[in-house]
């Protein structure tokens, strides 16, 4: 490219690699969603018996395990949200790099056109 120290093919390749990374983040987010644990809602107040209600999950249904299951599920939901954000930001970066390559290409085309016009004007003089 005239005036730029950037290879457009490198920019486009980087964009493709970022898109692949975004796909991987999306797949991780989707698989994380499959690890959810059914949890009985906590009950507030003096008569909190939520830990005594049997709910089948990865942590069992015995007394006190519902608090562990809730903590796990809260953490899992946060991880899923972060993976979704990573997916979106990586995808946005991929699109941005592709757009930069397009802008560089357009600027290069414009510069070539101006140089050709200038050369033609100088040849006529």
Protein backbone atom coordinates (compact mmCIF):
# COMPACT_ATOMS: atom_id res chain seq x y z
CA UNK A 1 0.00 0.00 0.00
CA UNK A 2 1.20 3.46 -0.79
CA UNK A 3 1.92 5.45 2.37
CA UNK A 4 0.85 2.74 4.79
CA UNK A 5 3.00 0.23 6.60
CA UNK A 6 0.18 -2.29 6.79
CA UNK A 7 -0.46 -5.40 4.78
CA UNK A 8 -4.20 -5.63 4.10
CA UNK A 9 -4.02 -9.41 3.91
CA UNK A 10 -2.61 -9.44 7.45
CA UNK A 11 -5.49 -7.27 8.67
CA UNK A 12 -8.03 -9.51 7.01
CA UNK A 13 -6.36 -12.64 8.39
CA UNK A 14 -6.37 -11.11 11.88
CA UNK A 15 -10.06 -10.36 11.48
CA UNK A 16 -10.73 -13.99 10.58
CA UNK A 17 -8.69 -15.21 13.56
CA UNK A 18 -10.66 -12.90 15.88
CA UNK A 19 -13.93 -14.16 14.40
CA UNK A 20 -12.79 -17.73 15.14
CA UNK A 21 -11.91 -16.69 18.69
CA UNK A 22 -15.37 -15.15 19.03
CA UNK A 23 -16.89 -18.46 17.89
CA UNK A 24 -14.82 -20.28 20.53
CA UNK A 25 -15.99 -17.86 23.22
CA UNK A 26 -19.58 -18.36 22.08
CA UNK A 27 -19.19 -22.14 22.22
CA UNK A 28 -17.70 -21.88 25.72
CA UNK A 29 -20.61 -19.68 26.79
CA UNK A 30 -23.12 -22.17 25.36
CA UNK A 31 -21.45 -25.14 27.06
CA UNK A 32 -21.29 -23.21 30.35
CA UNK A 33 -25.04 -22.72 30.16
CA UNK A 34 -25.45 -26.50 30.08
CA UNK A 35 -23.74 -26.74 33.49
CA UNK A 36 -26.54 -24.95 35.34
CA UNK A 37 -27.82 -26.44 38.57
CA UNK A 38 -31.47 -26.42 39.65
CA UNK A 39 -31.71 -24.54 42.91
CA UNK A 40 -34.68 -24.01 45.19
CA UNK A 41 -35.25 -20.29 45.78
CA UNK A 42 -33.98 -19.07 49.15
CA UNK A 43 -36.60 -18.20 51.71
CA UNK A 44 -36.11 -15.17 53.86
CA UNK A 45 -36.93 -14.97 57.50
CA UNK A 46 -36.80 -17.06 60.62
CA UNK A 47 -38.37 -20.15 59.08
CA UNK A 48 -35.89 -20.70 56.26
CA UNK A 49 -36.28 -24.35 55.36
CA UNK A 50 -34.88 -24.09 51.82
CA UNK A 51 -31.90 -26.25 52.75
CA UNK A 52 -34.22 -29.01 53.92
CA UNK A 53 -36.22 -29.22 50.71
CA UNK A 54 -34.69 -31.97 48.59
CA UNK A 55 -33.69 -30.79 45.13
CA UNK A 56 -31.71 -33.05 42.87
CA UNK A 57 -28.57 -31.32 41.65
CA UNK A 58 -24.83 -31.83 41.43
CA UNK A 59 -24.50 -31.09 45.15
CA UNK A 60 -27.22 -33.45 46.37
CA UNK A 61 -30.33 -32.64 48.28
CA UNK A 62 -29.10 -32.87 51.85
CA UNK A 63 -29.23 -30.17 54.50
CA UNK A 64 -27.01 -27.17 53.76
CA UNK A 65 -26.14 -28.11 50.19
CA UNK A 66 -28.65 -25.69 48.71
CA UNK A 67 -26.45 -22.79 49.81
CA UNK A 68 -23.52 -24.40 47.99
CA UNK A 69 -25.69 -25.03 44.93
CA UNK A 70 -26.87 -21.39 44.95
CA UNK A 71 -23.29 -20.12 45.25
CA UNK A 72 -22.22 -22.37 42.37
CA UNK A 73 -25.13 -21.26 40.20
CA UNK A 74 -24.43 -17.57 40.90
CA UNK A 75 -20.79 -18.06 39.95
CA UNK A 76 -21.71 -20.06 36.83
CA UNK A 77 -24.15 -17.36 35.72
CA UNK A 78 -21.43 -14.69 36.13
CA UNK A 79 -18.98 -16.77 34.07
CA UNK A 80 -21.60 -17.23 31.38
CA UNK A 81 -22.20 -13.47 31.29
CA UNK A 82 -18.45 -12.76 31.01
CA UNK A 83 -18.12 -15.28 28.19
CA UNK A 84 -21.00 -13.57 26.40
CA UNK A 85 -19.23 -10.22 26.76
CA UNK A 86 -15.97 -11.74 25.51
CA UNK A 87 -17.80 -13.21 22.53
CA UNK A 88 -19.38 -9.89 21.62
CA UNK A 89 -16.25 -7.77 22.08
CA UNK A 90 -14.13 -10.22 20.08
CA UNK A 91 -16.70 -10.28 17.30
CA UNK A 92 -16.84 -6.47 17.32
CA UNK A 93 -13.03 -6.32 17.12
CA UNK A 94 -13.09 -8.69 14.16
CA UNK A 95 -15.59 -6.49 12.34
CA UNK A 96 -13.58 -3.38 13.20
CA UNK A 97 -10.37 -4.87 11.77
CA UNK A 98 -12.18 -5.80 8.57
CA UNK A 99 -13.54 -2.26 8.33
CA UNK A 100 -10.04 -0.82 8.89
CA UNK A 101 -8.77 -2.99 6.02
CA UNK A 102 -11.57 -1.66 3.82
CA UNK A 103 -10.78 1.94 4.77
CA UNK A 104 -7.06 1.43 4.11
CA UNK A 105 -7.86 -0.11 0.76
CA UNK A 106 -10.11 2.81 -0.16
CA UNK A 107 -7.48 5.32 0.97
CA UNK A 108 -4.87 3.49 -1.11
CA UNK A 109 -7.15 3.54 -4.16
CA UNK A 110 -7.81 7.26 -3.68
CA UNK A 111 -4.08 7.97 -3.36
CA UNK A 112 -3.28 6.01 -6.52
CA UNK A 113 -5.98 7.90 -8.41
CA UNK A 114 -4.62 11.27 -7.25
CA UNK A 115 -1.07 10.26 -8.19
CA UNK A 116 -2.22 9.20 -11.65
CA UNK A 117 -4.04 12.52 -12.13
CA UNK A 118 -1.00 14.46 -10.95
CA UNK A 119 1.26 12.48 -13.26
CA UNK A 120 -1.10 13.12 -16.18
CA UNK A 121 -1.15 16.86 -15.44
CA UNK A 122 2.65 16.94 -15.23
CA UNK A 123 2.98 15.02 -18.50
CA UNK A 124 0.77 17.57 -20.25
CA UNK A 125 2.94 20.46 -19.06
